């Protein structure tokens, strides 16, 4: 999966599953449904792939060629904070001066202009 991700892009932000698979996060922090995946094929990943996952940058990520845009996993305030309601998204959006934020792990998709 790492090779596939690397072939598709060059901007990455780490997420909670990346952290869990690579050992940066304790599975007790996962809900039981998500946590079971840690004991599967991911634990057999090549060391270089696990190293790549460990080295993924924490968001927010900004790319020079894309001014005014940032990439986050959870929120711009906390990479593991879930955006499950509009209320959850308000503070990260109004306290940040970047006009466009792409969330990698949100349970509420949408846009605001």
PDB file of N, CA and C in Angstrom:
ATOM      1  N   UNK A   1       0.811  -1.200   0.000  1.00  0.00           N
ATOM      2  CA  UNK A   1       0.000   0.000   0.000  1.00  0.00           C
ATOM      3  C   UNK A   1       0.855   1.266   0.000  1.00  0.00           C
ATOM      4  N   UNK A   2       1.999   1.222   0.669  1.00  0.00           N
ATOM      5  CA  UNK A   2       2.879   2.388   0.696  1.00  0.00           C
ATOM      6  C   UNK A   2       3.347   2.726  -0.713  1.00  0.00           C
ATOM      7  N   UNK A   3       3.779   1.733  -1.468  1.00  0.00           N
ATOM      8  CA  UNK A   3       4.242   1.983  -2.833  1.00  0.00           C
ATOM      9  C   UNK A   3       3.128   2.585  -3.684  1.00  0.00           C
ATOM     10  N   UNK A   4       1.900   2.109  -3.508  1.00  0.00           N
ATOM     11  CA  UNK A   4       0.769   2.651  -4.266  1.00  0.00           C
ATOM     12  C   UNK A   4       0.539   4.115  -3.902  1.00  0.00           C
ATOM     13  N   UNK A   5       0.564   4.419  -2.603  1.00  0.00           N
ATOM     14  CA  UNK A   5       0.385   5.814  -2.165  1.00  0.00           C
ATOM     15  C   UNK A   5       1.488   6.698  -2.740  1.00  0.00           C
ATOM     16  N   UNK A   6       2.716   6.228  -2.673  1.00  0.00           N
ATOM     17  CA  UNK A   6       3.836   7.012  -3.182  1.00  0.00           C
ATOM     18  C   UNK A   6       3.730   7.235  -4.685  1.00  0.00           C
ATOM     19  N   UNK A   7       3.157   6.281  -5.407  1.00  0.00           N
ATOM     20  CA  UNK A   7       3.008   6.434  -6.853  1.00  0.00           C
ATOM     21  C   UNK A   7       1.902   7.419  -7.220  1.00  0.00           C
ATOM     22  N   UNK A   8       0.975   7.661  -6.299  1.00  0.00           N
ATOM     23  CA  UNK A   8      -0.166   8.533  -6.590  1.00  0.00           C
ATOM     24  C   UNK A   8       0.055   9.993  -6.226  1.00  0.00           C
ATOM     25  N   UNK A   9       0.998  10.275  -5.367  1.00  0.00           N
ATOM     26  CA  UNK A   9       1.166  11.653  -4.948  1.00  0.00           C
ATOM     27  C   UNK A   9       2.495  11.928  -4.304  1.00  0.00           C
ATOM     28  N   UNK A  10       2.677  13.179  -3.897  1.00  0.00           N
ATOM     29  CA  UNK A  10       3.923  13.556  -3.236  1.00  0.00           C
ATOM     30  C   UNK A  10       3.682  14.382  -1.976  1.00  0.00           C
ATOM     31  N   UNK A  11       2.432  14.694  -1.675  1.00  0.00           N
ATOM     32  CA  UNK A  11       2.106  15.422  -0.454  1.00  0.00           C
ATOM     33  C   UNK A  11       1.323  14.476   0.445  1.00  0.00           C
ATOM     34  N   UNK A  12       1.845  14.233   1.630  1.00  0.00           N
ATOM     35  CA  UNK A  12       1.216  13.307   2.560  1.00  0.00           C
ATOM     36  C   UNK A  12       1.134  13.947   3.936  1.00  0.00           C
ATOM     37  N   UNK A  13       0.104  13.595   4.666  1.00  0.00           N
ATOM     38  CA  UNK A  13      -0.038  13.991   6.061  1.00  0.00           C
ATOM     39  C   UNK A  13      -0.401  12.726   6.833  1.00  0.00           C
ATOM     40  N   UNK A  14       0.240  12.534   7.974  1.00  0.00           N
ATOM     41  CA  UNK A  14      -0.001  11.281   8.689  1.00  0.00           C
ATOM     42  C   UNK A  14      -1.360  11.275   9.361  1.00  0.00           C
ATOM     43  N   UNK A  15      -1.880  10.070   9.496  1.00  0.00           N
ATOM     44  CA  UNK A  15      -3.164   9.877  10.153  1.00  0.00           C
ATOM     45  C   UNK A  15      -3.048   8.874  11.284  1.00  0.00           C
ATOM     46  N   UNK A  16      -4.148   8.658  11.964  1.00  0.00           N
ATOM     47  CA  UNK A  16      -4.118   7.770  13.120  1.00  0.00           C
ATOM     48  C   UNK A  16      -3.816   6.321  12.734  1.00  0.00           C
ATOM     49  N   UNK A  17      -4.260   5.867  11.577  1.00  0.00           N
ATOM     50  CA  UNK A  17      -3.941   4.499  11.172  1.00  0.00           C
ATOM     51  C   UNK A  17      -2.460   4.372  10.812  1.00  0.00           C
ATOM     52  N   UNK A  18      -1.890   5.401  10.204  1.00  0.00           N
ATOM     53  CA  UNK A  18      -0.453   5.393   9.929  1.00  0.00           C
ATOM     54  C   UNK A  18       0.321   5.280  11.239  1.00  0.00           C
ATOM     55  N   UNK A  19      -0.114   6.038  12.228  1.00  0.00           N
ATOM     56  CA  UNK A  19       0.547   6.021  13.531  1.00  0.00           C
ATOM     57  C   UNK A  19       0.389   4.661  14.213  1.00  0.00           C
ATOM     58  N   UNK A  20      -0.772   4.065  14.116  1.00  0.00           N
ATOM     59  CA  UNK A  20      -1.009   2.779  14.772  1.00  0.00           C
ATOM     60  C   UNK A  20      -0.202   1.666  14.110  1.00  0.00           C
ATOM     61  N   UNK A  21      -0.227   1.616  12.790  1.00  0.00           N
ATOM     62  CA  UNK A  21       0.484   0.566  12.067  1.00  0.00           C
ATOM     63  C   UNK A  21       1.985   0.651  12.320  1.00  0.00           C
ATOM     64  N   UNK A  22       2.510   1.863  12.411  1.00  0.00           N
ATOM     65  CA  UNK A  22       3.955   2.036  12.567  1.00  0.00           C
ATOM     66  C   UNK A  22       4.408   2.046  14.026  1.00  0.00           C
ATOM     67  N   UNK A  23       3.467   1.887  14.956  1.00  0.00           N
ATOM     68  CA  UNK A  23       3.829   1.819  16.363  1.00  0.00           C
ATOM     69  C   UNK A  23       3.923   3.154  17.073  1.00  0.00           C
ATOM     70  N   UNK A  24       3.495   4.237  16.434  1.00  0.00           N
ATOM     71  CA  UNK A  24       3.543   5.557  17.072  1.00  0.00           C
ATOM     72  C   UNK A  24       2.344   5.824  17.974  1.00  0.00           C
ATOM     73  N   UNK A  25       1.339   4.966  17.903  1.00  0.00           N
ATOM     74  CA  UNK A  25       0.118   5.150  18.680  1.00  0.00           C
ATOM     75  C   UNK A  25      -0.264   3.812  19.301  1.00  0.00           C
ATOM     76  N   UNK A  26      -0.705   3.859  20.512  1.00  0.00           N
ATOM     77  CA  UNK A  26      -1.146   2.667  21.215  1.00  0.00           C
ATOM     78  C   UNK A  26      -2.530   2.268  20.725  1.00  0.00           C
ATOM     79  N   UNK A  27      -2.750   0.982  20.520  1.00  0.00           N
ATOM     80  CA  UNK A  27      -4.044   0.515  20.023  1.00  0.00           C
ATOM     81  C   UNK A  27      -5.179   0.748  21.009  1.00  0.00           C
ATOM     82  N   UNK A  28      -4.879   0.935  22.276  1.00  0.00           N
ATOM     83  CA  UNK A  28      -5.950   1.226  23.234  1.00  0.00           C
ATOM     84  C   UNK A  28      -6.625   2.560  22.926  1.00  0.00           C
ATOM     85  N   UNK A  29      -5.960   3.401  22.124  1.00  0.00           N
ATOM     86  CA  UNK A  29      -6.537   4.682  21.724  1.00  0.00           C
ATOM     87  C   UNK A  29      -7.500   4.522  20.545  1.00  0.00           C
ATOM     88  N   UNK A  30      -7.549   3.328  19.965  1.00  0.00           N
ATOM     89  CA  UNK A  30      -8.436   3.050  18.844  1.00  0.00           C
ATOM     90  C   UNK A  30      -9.732   2.439  19.348  1.00  0.00           C
ATOM     91  N   UNK A  31     -10.791   2.642  18.574  1.00  0.00           N
ATOM     92  CA  UNK A  31     -12.000   1.888  18.896  1.00  0.00           C
ATOM     93  C   UNK A  31     -11.765   0.447  18.471  1.00  0.00           C
ATOM     94  N   UNK A  32     -12.465  -0.519  19.055  1.00  0.00           N
ATOM     95  CA  UNK A  32     -12.187  -1.938  18.777  1.00  0.00           C
ATOM     96  C   UNK A  32     -12.297  -2.335  17.305  1.00  0.00           C
ATOM     97  N   UNK A  33     -13.219  -1.730  16.572  1.00  0.00           N
ATOM     98  CA  UNK A  33     -13.393  -2.077  15.162  1.00  0.00           C
ATOM     99  C   UNK A  33     -12.163  -1.656  14.359  1.00  0.00           C
ATOM    100  N   UNK A  34     -11.651  -0.471  14.602  1.00  0.00           N
ATOM    101  CA  UNK A  34     -10.458  -0.008  13.883  1.00  0.00           C
ATOM    102  C   UNK A  34      -9.205  -0.714  14.376  1.00  0.00           C
ATOM    103  N   UNK A  35      -9.140  -1.014  15.644  1.00  0.00           N
ATOM    104  CA  UNK A  35      -7.955  -1.600  16.230  1.00  0.00           C
ATOM    105  C   UNK A  35      -7.607  -2.983  15.740  1.00  0.00           C
ATOM    106  N   UNK A  36      -8.577  -3.755  15.323  1.00  0.00           N
ATOM    107  CA  UNK A  36      -8.285  -5.121  14.894  1.00  0.00           C
ATOM    108  C   UNK A  36      -7.385  -5.158  13.671  1.00  0.00           C
ATOM    109  N   UNK A  37      -7.403  -4.118  12.855  1.00  0.00           N
ATOM    110  CA  UNK A  37      -6.581  -4.076  11.641  1.00  0.00           C
ATOM    111  C   UNK A  37      -5.092  -4.067  11.965  1.00  0.00           C
ATOM    112  N   UNK A  38      -4.729  -3.557  13.123  1.00  0.00           N
ATOM    113  CA  UNK A  38      -3.316  -3.474  13.506  1.00  0.00           C
ATOM    114  C   UNK A  38      -2.691  -4.860  13.637  1.00  0.00           C
ATOM    115  N   UNK A  39      -3.499  -5.867  13.935  1.00  0.00           N
ATOM    116  CA  UNK A  39      -2.947  -7.204  14.107  1.00  0.00           C
ATOM    117  C   UNK A  39      -2.919  -7.992  12.803  1.00  0.00           C
ATOM    118  N   UNK A  40      -3.338  -7.387  11.717  1.00  0.00           N
ATOM    119  CA  UNK A  40      -3.402  -8.077  10.426  1.00  0.00           C
ATOM    120  C   UNK A  40      -2.176  -7.860   9.577  1.00  0.00           C
ATOM    121  N   UNK A  41      -2.354  -7.780   8.252  1.00  0.00           N
ATOM    122  CA  UNK A  41      -1.232  -7.709   7.317  1.00  0.00           C
ATOM    123  C   UNK A  41      -0.305  -6.519   7.537  1.00  0.00           C
ATOM    124  N   UNK A  42      -0.825  -5.434   8.083  1.00  0.00           N
ATOM    125  CA  UNK A  42       0.017  -4.246   8.263  1.00  0.00           C
ATOM    126  C   UNK A  42       1.204  -4.524   9.171  1.00  0.00           C
ATOM    127  N   UNK A  43       1.042  -5.412  10.127  1.00  0.00           N
ATOM    128  CA  UNK A  43       2.145  -5.704  11.039  1.00  0.00           C
ATOM    129  C   UNK A  43       3.261  -6.457  10.337  1.00  0.00           C
ATOM    130  N   UNK A  44       2.991  -6.988   9.162  1.00  0.00           N
ATOM    131  CA  UNK A  44       4.003  -7.698   8.390  1.00  0.00           C
ATOM    132  C   UNK A  44       4.660  -6.797   7.347  1.00  0.00           C
ATOM    133  N   UNK A  45       4.438  -5.504   7.438  1.00  0.00           N
ATOM    134  CA  UNK A  45       4.997  -4.563   6.474  1.00  0.00           C
ATOM    135  C   UNK A  45       6.512  -4.536   6.546  1.00  0.00           C
ATOM    136  N   UNK A  46       7.111  -4.198   5.452  1.00  0.00           N
ATOM    137  CA  UNK A  46       8.568  -4.079   5.390  1.00  0.00           C
ATOM    138  C   UNK A  46       9.031  -2.940   6.295  1.00  0.00           C
ATOM    139  N   UNK A  47      10.188  -3.106   6.912  1.00  0.00           N
ATOM    140  CA  UNK A  47      10.706  -2.046   7.794  1.00  0.00           C
ATOM    141  C   UNK A  47      10.798  -0.679   7.110  1.00  0.00           C
ATOM    142  N   UNK A  48      11.179  -0.651   5.825  1.00  0.00           N
ATOM    143  CA  UNK A  48      11.291   0.649   5.147  1.00  0.00           C
ATOM    144  C   UNK A  48       9.918   1.311   5.010  1.00  0.00           C
ATOM    145  N   UNK A  49       8.865   0.514   4.833  1.00  0.00           N
ATOM    146  CA  UNK A  49       7.518   1.078   4.744  1.00  0.00           C
ATOM    147  C   UNK A  49       7.066   1.612   6.102  1.00  0.00           C
ATOM    148  N   UNK A  50       7.372   0.876   7.155  1.00  0.00           N
ATOM    149  CA  UNK A  50       7.024   1.337   8.499  1.00  0.00           C
ATOM    150  C   UNK A  50       7.795   2.614   8.831  1.00  0.00           C
ATOM    151  N   UNK A  51       9.046   2.683   8.419  1.00  0.00           N
ATOM    152  CA  UNK A  51       9.831   3.911   8.632  1.00  0.00           C
ATOM    153  C   UNK A  51       9.197   5.076   7.891  1.00  0.00           C
ATOM    154  N   UNK A  52       8.765   4.844   6.653  1.00  0.00           N
ATOM    155  CA  UNK A  52       8.134   5.910   5.862  1.00  0.00           C
ATOM    156  C   UNK A  52       6.877   6.406   6.570  1.00  0.00           C
ATOM    157  N   UNK A  53       6.064   5.478   7.076  1.00  0.00           N
ATOM    158  CA  UNK A  53       4.851   5.863   7.802  1.00  0.00           C
ATOM    159  C   UNK A  53       5.186   6.667   9.059  1.00  0.00           C
ATOM    160  N   UNK A  54       6.208   6.250   9.789  1.00  0.00           N
ATOM    161  CA  UNK A  54       6.615   6.978  11.003  1.00  0.00           C
ATOM    162  C   UNK A  54       7.073   8.394  10.687  1.00  0.00           C
ATOM    163  N   UNK A  55       7.654   8.576   9.515  1.00  0.00           N
ATOM    164  CA  UNK A  55       8.215   9.876   9.147  1.00  0.00           C
ATOM    165  C   UNK A  55       7.223  10.801   8.443  1.00  0.00           C
ATOM    166  N   UNK A  56       6.007  10.325   8.221  1.00  0.00           N
ATOM    167  CA  UNK A  56       5.016  11.208   7.594  1.00  0.00           C
ATOM    168  C   UNK A  56       4.844  12.452   8.460  1.00  0.00           C
ATOM    169  N   UNK A  57       4.706  13.614   7.840  1.00  0.00           N
ATOM    170  CA  UNK A  57       4.580  14.836   8.622  1.00  0.00           C
ATOM    171  C   UNK A  57       3.213  14.984   9.280  1.00  0.00           C
ATOM    172  N   UNK A  58       3.240  15.584  10.441  1.00  0.00           N
ATOM    173  CA  UNK A  58       2.006  15.921  11.161  1.00  0.00           C
ATOM    174  C   UNK A  58       1.422  17.172  10.511  1.00  0.00           C
ATOM    175  N   UNK A  59       0.121  17.201  10.333  1.00  0.00           N
ATOM    176  CA  UNK A  59      -0.526  18.376   9.754  1.00  0.00           C
ATOM    177  C   UNK A  59      -0.596  19.507  10.750  1.00  0.00           C
ATOM    178  N   UNK A  60      -0.911  20.679  10.323  1.00  0.00           N
ATOM    179  CA  UNK A  60      -1.251  21.039   8.939  1.00  0.00           C
ATOM    180  C   UNK A  60      -0.024  21.103   8.036  1.00  0.00           C
ATOM    181  N   UNK A  61      -0.243  20.676   6.811  1.00  0.00           N
ATOM    182  CA  UNK A  61       0.779  20.703   5.768  1.00  0.00           C
ATOM    183  C   UNK A  61       0.395  21.785   4.779  1.00  0.00           C
ATOM    184  N   UNK A  62       1.352  22.614   4.453  1.00  0.00           N
ATOM    185  CA  UNK A  62       1.140  23.633   3.417  1.00  0.00           C
ATOM    186  C   UNK A  62       2.149  23.392   2.310  1.00  0.00           C
ATOM    187  N   UNK A  63       1.695  23.570   1.090  1.00  0.00           N
ATOM    188  CA  UNK A  63       2.528  23.335  -0.079  1.00  0.00           C
ATOM    189  C   UNK A  63       2.742  24.672  -0.766  1.00  0.00           C
ATOM    190  N   UNK A  64       3.998  25.007  -0.999  1.00  0.00           N
ATOM    191  CA  UNK A  64       4.347  26.316  -1.568  1.00  0.00           C
ATOM    192  C   UNK A  64       3.598  26.611  -2.868  1.00  0.00           C
ATOM    193  N   UNK A  65       3.425  25.582  -3.698  1.00  0.00           N
ATOM    194  CA  UNK A  65       2.752  25.778  -4.989  1.00  0.00           C
ATOM    195  C   UNK A  65       1.239  25.978  -4.844  1.00  0.00           C
ATOM    196  N   UNK A  66       0.703  25.751  -3.650  1.00  0.00           N
ATOM    197  CA  UNK A  66      -0.738  25.865  -3.413  1.00  0.00           C
ATOM    198  C   UNK A  66      -1.010  26.848  -2.263  1.00  0.00           C
ATOM    199  N   UNK A  67      -0.750  28.130  -2.480  1.00  0.00           N
ATOM    200  CA  UNK A  67      -0.954  29.093  -1.390  1.00  0.00           C
ATOM    201  C   UNK A  67      -2.428  29.159  -0.988  1.00  0.00           C
ATOM    202  N   UNK A  68      -2.647  29.340   0.298  1.00  0.00           N
ATOM    203  CA  UNK A  68      -4.015  29.458   0.789  1.00  0.00           C
ATOM    204  C   UNK A  68      -4.704  28.131   1.032  1.00  0.00           C
ATOM    205  N   UNK A  69      -3.948  27.033   0.952  1.00  0.00           N
ATOM    206  CA  UNK A  69      -4.522  25.704   1.154  1.00  0.00           C
ATOM    207  C   UNK A  69      -3.666  24.962   2.174  1.00  0.00           C
ATOM    208  N   UNK A  70      -4.336  24.224   3.048  1.00  0.00           N
ATOM    209  CA  UNK A  70      -3.606  23.356   3.966  1.00  0.00           C
ATOM    210  C   UNK A  70      -4.261  21.985   4.003  1.00  0.00           C
ATOM    211  N   UNK A  71      -3.481  21.001   4.417  1.00  0.00           N
ATOM    212  CA  UNK A  71      -3.937  19.625   4.508  1.00  0.00           C
ATOM    213  C   UNK A  71      -3.760  19.152   5.943  1.00  0.00           C
ATOM    214  N   UNK A  72      -4.799  18.559   6.497  1.00  0.00           N
ATOM    215  CA  UNK A  72      -4.757  18.053   7.864  1.00  0.00           C
ATOM    216  C   UNK A  72      -5.381  16.672   7.897  1.00  0.00           C
ATOM    217  N   UNK A  73      -5.066  15.926   8.938  1.00  0.00           N
ATOM    218  CA  UNK A  73      -5.725  14.637   9.117  1.00  0.00           C
ATOM    219  C   UNK A  73      -7.013  14.828   9.897  1.00  0.00           C
ATOM    220  N   UNK A  74      -6.907  15.305  11.117  1.00  0.00           N
ATOM    221  CA  UNK A  74      -8.085  15.512  11.962  1.00  0.00           C
ATOM    222  C   UNK A  74      -8.562  16.943  11.857  1.00  0.00           C
ATOM    223  N   UNK A  75      -7.875  17.825  12.539  1.00  0.00           N
ATOM    224  CA  UNK A  75      -8.175  19.252  12.432  1.00  0.00           C
ATOM    225  C   UNK A  75      -6.857  19.994  12.396  1.00  0.00           C
ATOM    226  N   UNK A  76      -6.918  21.275  12.109  1.00  0.00           N
ATOM    227  CA  UNK A  76      -5.703  22.081  12.099  1.00  0.00           C
ATOM    228  C   UNK A  76      -5.151  22.271  13.512  1.00  0.00           C
ATOM    229  N   UNK A  77      -5.961  22.007  14.528  1.00  0.00           N
ATOM    230  CA  UNK A  77      -5.538  22.168  15.920  1.00  0.00           C
ATOM    231  C   UNK A  77      -4.979  20.886  16.514  1.00  0.00           C
ATOM    232  N   UNK A  78      -5.458  19.743  16.067  1.00  0.00           N
ATOM    233  CA  UNK A  78      -5.054  18.455  16.628  1.00  0.00           C
ATOM    234  C   UNK A  78      -5.211  17.391  15.549  1.00  0.00           C
ATOM    235  N   UNK A  79      -4.115  16.752  15.181  1.00  0.00           N
ATOM    236  CA  UNK A  79      -4.156  15.797  14.070  1.00  0.00           C
ATOM    237  C   UNK A  79      -5.098  14.628  14.299  1.00  0.00           C
ATOM    238  N   UNK A  80      -5.434  14.337  15.544  1.00  0.00           N
ATOM    239  CA  UNK A  80      -6.310  13.199  15.835  1.00  0.00           C
ATOM    240  C   UNK A  80      -7.725  13.608  16.211  1.00  0.00           C
ATOM    241  N   UNK A  81      -8.031  14.886  16.156  1.00  0.00           N
ATOM    242  CA  UNK A  81      -9.374  15.352  16.492  1.00  0.00           C
ATOM    243  C   UNK A  81     -10.320  15.073  15.326  1.00  0.00           C
ATOM    244  N   UNK A  82     -11.377  14.350  15.597  1.00  0.00           N
ATOM    245  CA  UNK A  82     -12.344  14.026  14.549  1.00  0.00           C
ATOM    246  C   UNK A  82     -13.283  15.202  14.313  1.00  0.00           C
ATOM    247  N   UNK A  83     -13.635  15.401  13.055  1.00  0.00           N
ATOM    248  CA  UNK A  83     -14.616  16.397  12.674  1.00  0.00           C
ATOM    249  C   UNK A  83     -15.915  15.651  12.378  1.00  0.00           C
ATOM    250  N   UNK A  84     -16.760  15.498  13.394  1.00  0.00           N
ATOM    251  CA  UNK A  84     -17.989  14.733  13.199  1.00  0.00           C
ATOM    252  C   UNK A  84     -19.232  15.604  13.144  1.00  0.00           C
ATOM    253  N   UNK A  85     -19.067  16.886  13.375  1.00  0.00           N
ATOM    254  CA  UNK A  85     -20.206  17.797  13.279  1.00  0.00           C
ATOM    255  C   UNK A  85     -19.698  19.160  12.840  1.00  0.00           C
ATOM    256  N   UNK A  86     -20.614  19.985  12.387  1.00  0.00           N
ATOM    257  CA  UNK A  86     -20.246  21.351  12.016  1.00  0.00           C
ATOM    258  C   UNK A  86     -19.674  22.094  13.216  1.00  0.00           C
ATOM    259  N   UNK A  87     -20.201  21.822  14.393  1.00  0.00           N
ATOM    260  CA  UNK A  87     -19.704  22.463  15.615  1.00  0.00           C
ATOM    261  C   UNK A  87     -18.227  22.138  15.854  1.00  0.00           C
ATOM    262  N   UNK A  88     -17.822  20.888  15.585  1.00  0.00           N
ATOM    263  CA  UNK A  88     -16.420  20.493  15.744  1.00  0.00           C
ATOM    264  C   UNK A  88     -15.504  21.281  14.809  1.00  0.00           C
ATOM    265  N   UNK A  89     -15.995  21.618  13.638  1.00  0.00           N
ATOM    266  CA  UNK A  89     -15.171  22.274  12.624  1.00  0.00           C
ATOM    267  C   UNK A  89     -15.057  23.779  12.807  1.00  0.00           C
ATOM    268  N   UNK A  90     -15.950  24.385  13.550  1.00  0.00           N
ATOM    269  CA  UNK A  90     -15.988  25.845  13.652  1.00  0.00           C
ATOM    270  C   UNK A  90     -14.676  26.435  14.169  1.00  0.00           C
ATOM    271  N   UNK A  91     -14.218  26.021  15.353  1.00  0.00           N
ATOM    272  CA  UNK A  91     -13.011  26.628  15.930  1.00  0.00           C
ATOM    273  C   UNK A  91     -11.781  26.470  15.037  1.00  0.00           C
ATOM    274  N   UNK A  92     -11.488  25.258  14.543  1.00  0.00           N
ATOM    275  CA  UNK A  92     -10.314  25.146  13.666  1.00  0.00           C
ATOM    276  C   UNK A  92     -10.408  26.011  12.417  1.00  0.00           C
ATOM    277  N   UNK A  93     -11.609  26.201  11.905  1.00  0.00           N
ATOM    278  CA  UNK A  93     -11.754  26.992  10.690  1.00  0.00           C
ATOM    279  C   UNK A  93     -11.697  28.487  10.938  1.00  0.00           C
ATOM    280  N   UNK A  94     -12.267  28.967  12.038  1.00  0.00           N
ATOM    281  CA  UNK A  94     -12.276  30.418  12.266  1.00  0.00           C
ATOM    282  C   UNK A  94     -11.000  30.926  12.929  1.00  0.00           C
ATOM    283  N   UNK A  95     -10.237  30.045  13.554  1.00  0.00           N
ATOM    284  CA  UNK A  95      -8.998  30.491  14.194  1.00  0.00           C
ATOM    285  C   UNK A  95      -7.801  30.390  13.268  1.00  0.00           C
ATOM    286  N   UNK A  96      -7.978  29.829  12.094  1.00  0.00           N
ATOM    287  CA  UNK A  96      -6.889  29.646  11.153  1.00  0.00           C
ATOM    288  C   UNK A  96      -7.058  30.618  10.003  1.00  0.00           C
ATOM    289  N   UNK A  97      -5.977  31.213   9.578  1.00  0.00           N
ATOM    290  CA  UNK A  97      -6.031  32.211   8.510  1.00  0.00           C
ATOM    291  C   UNK A  97      -5.970  31.604   7.107  1.00  0.00           C
ATOM    292  N   UNK A  98      -5.830  30.293   7.010  1.00  0.00           N
ATOM    293  CA  UNK A  98      -5.778  29.634   5.702  1.00  0.00           C
ATOM    294  C   UNK A  98      -7.217  29.446   5.212  1.00  0.00           C
ATOM    295  N   UNK A  99      -7.544  29.953   4.024  1.00  0.00           N
ATOM    296  CA  UNK A  99      -8.938  29.910   3.569  1.00  0.00           C
ATOM    297  C   UNK A  99      -9.479  28.531   3.198  1.00  0.00           C
ATOM    298  N   UNK A 100      -8.615  27.574   2.804  1.00  0.00           N
ATOM    299  CA  UNK A 100      -9.090  26.253   2.388  1.00  0.00           C
ATOM    300  C   UNK A 100      -8.339  25.179   3.169  1.00  0.00           C
ATOM    301  N   UNK A 101      -9.093  24.297   3.799  1.00  0.00           N
ATOM    302  CA  UNK A 101      -8.506  23.179   4.542  1.00  0.00           C
ATOM    303  C   UNK A 101      -9.092  21.882   4.029  1.00  0.00           C
ATOM    304  N   UNK A 102      -8.231  20.948   3.679  1.00  0.00           N
ATOM    305  CA  UNK A 102      -8.649  19.604   3.308  1.00  0.00           C
ATOM    306  C   UNK A 102      -8.428  18.704   4.514  1.00  0.00           C
ATOM    307  N   UNK A 103      -9.499  18.065   4.963  1.00  0.00           N
ATOM    308  CA  UNK A 103      -9.454  17.145   6.099  1.00  0.00           C
ATOM    309  C   UNK A 103      -9.365  15.724   5.559  1.00  0.00           C
ATOM    310  N   UNK A 104      -8.394  14.962   6.065  1.00  0.00           N
ATOM    311  CA  UNK A 104      -8.255  13.580   5.649  1.00  0.00           C
ATOM    312  C   UNK A 104      -9.160  12.637   6.418  1.00  0.00           C
ATOM    313  N   UNK A 105      -9.483  12.983   7.650  1.00  0.00           N
ATOM    314  CA  UNK A 105     -10.304  12.089   8.488  1.00  0.00           C
ATOM    315  C   UNK A 105     -11.452  12.884   9.076  1.00  0.00           C
ATOM    316  N   UNK A 106     -12.439  13.051   8.277  1.00  0.00           N
ATOM    317  CA  UNK A 106     -13.628  13.747   8.735  1.00  0.00           C
ATOM    318  C   UNK A 106     -14.832  12.862   8.487  1.00  0.00           C
ATOM    319  N   UNK A 107     -15.812  12.993   9.326  1.00  0.00           N
ATOM    320  CA  UNK A 107     -17.044  12.241   9.143  1.00  0.00           C
ATOM    321  C   UNK A 107     -18.152  13.153   8.630  1.00  0.00           C
ATOM    322  N   UNK A 108     -17.765  14.391   8.304  1.00  0.00           N
ATOM    323  CA  UNK A 108     -18.716  15.354   7.793  1.00  0.00           C
ATOM    324  C   UNK A 108     -18.044  16.105   6.647  1.00  0.00           C
ATOM    325  N   UNK A 109     -18.384  15.751   5.410  1.00  0.00           N
ATOM    326  CA  UNK A 109     -17.788  16.401   4.267  1.00  0.00           C
ATOM    327  C   UNK A 109     -18.583  17.664   3.908  1.00  0.00           C
ATOM    328  N   UNK A 110     -17.874  18.630   3.368  1.00  0.00           N
ATOM    329  CA  UNK A 110     -18.559  19.848   2.958  1.00  0.00           C
ATOM    330  C   UNK A 110     -17.556  20.927   2.604  1.00  0.00           C
ATOM    331  N   UNK A 111     -18.074  22.098   2.284  1.00  0.00           N
ATOM    332  CA  UNK A 111     -17.227  23.228   1.913  1.00  0.00           C
ATOM    333  C   UNK A 111     -17.886  24.506   2.388  1.00  0.00           C
ATOM    334  N   UNK A 112     -17.055  25.491   2.618  1.00  0.00           N
ATOM    335  CA  UNK A 112     -17.532  26.801   3.007  1.00  0.00           C
ATOM    336  C   UNK A 112     -16.771  27.851   2.213  1.00  0.00           C
ATOM    337  N   UNK A 113     -17.469  28.785   1.644  1.00  0.00           N
ATOM    338  CA  UNK A 113     -16.816  29.826   0.850  1.00  0.00           C
ATOM    339  C   UNK A 113     -17.090  31.192   1.420  1.00  0.00           C
TER     340      UNK A 113
END
